């Protein structure tokens, strides 16, 4: 799986979790469980791509990503499209419905 594709899938998973459960932090185990056949190095590259695009913050432990925190205020369609990310219809609908509840501006 390409890095950009994996990063987008991770981003969608985190966004859905945030907008449905108000969960913005994820342990690396979340992604190793979701993508068991993906090499660790590829997972780390995808996470670092999300970090470079200011969509997540990463706390490292022993020089490896350990806790990944979604940065929900940086989730805006206009920015995402330019960077190649997509939002599933579920995320987009949920986000639009609850944006005021989470004090987000879109």
Foldseek 3Di string as FASTA:
>chain_A
DALQVLLQVVLQVQLLCCLVVVDFKDFVVVVCVVCVPDDQVSVQSSLVVCVVLVQWDFDDDPNGGTMIGGDVLSDDPVSQVVVPHDHPPSSVVSCVVCVVVVVHDD
